[in-house]
């Protein structure tokens, strides 16, 4: 993918792995919690594909800077409603997008409520 346009402040994450059930258990969740890793698996299953591993994601609009002590800070996004990113696929590919269901740390906003994600393929 080639990034063609980004109307957001440009804060994105490439460090954090997709959230999964193990992260939610670490955060104190008992039982199942929706997560990006399972969203990927379900999306691929719907088109009869599988992945042996969950690849490293490009977490659009996720604001997770490193603190001076080397720990990662989980901050609300600095993007606003209406911000968008345009990519161009340079070859045939499968792209899976997940509106992150994270509701325990404020990466989806100060209210910790996941929000809708809209995309267009042309």
Foldseek 3Di string as FASTA:
>chain_A
DAWDDWQWPPAWDQPDAWDDQVVVVVVPDDDDDDTDQVQVQVVQVVVPHHDPDRDGDTGPQFHWDADPVRHTDGDAGRGDPPIDIDDDDPDDDDDDDDQGCQQRTRRPHPNSHGDDDDDDDD
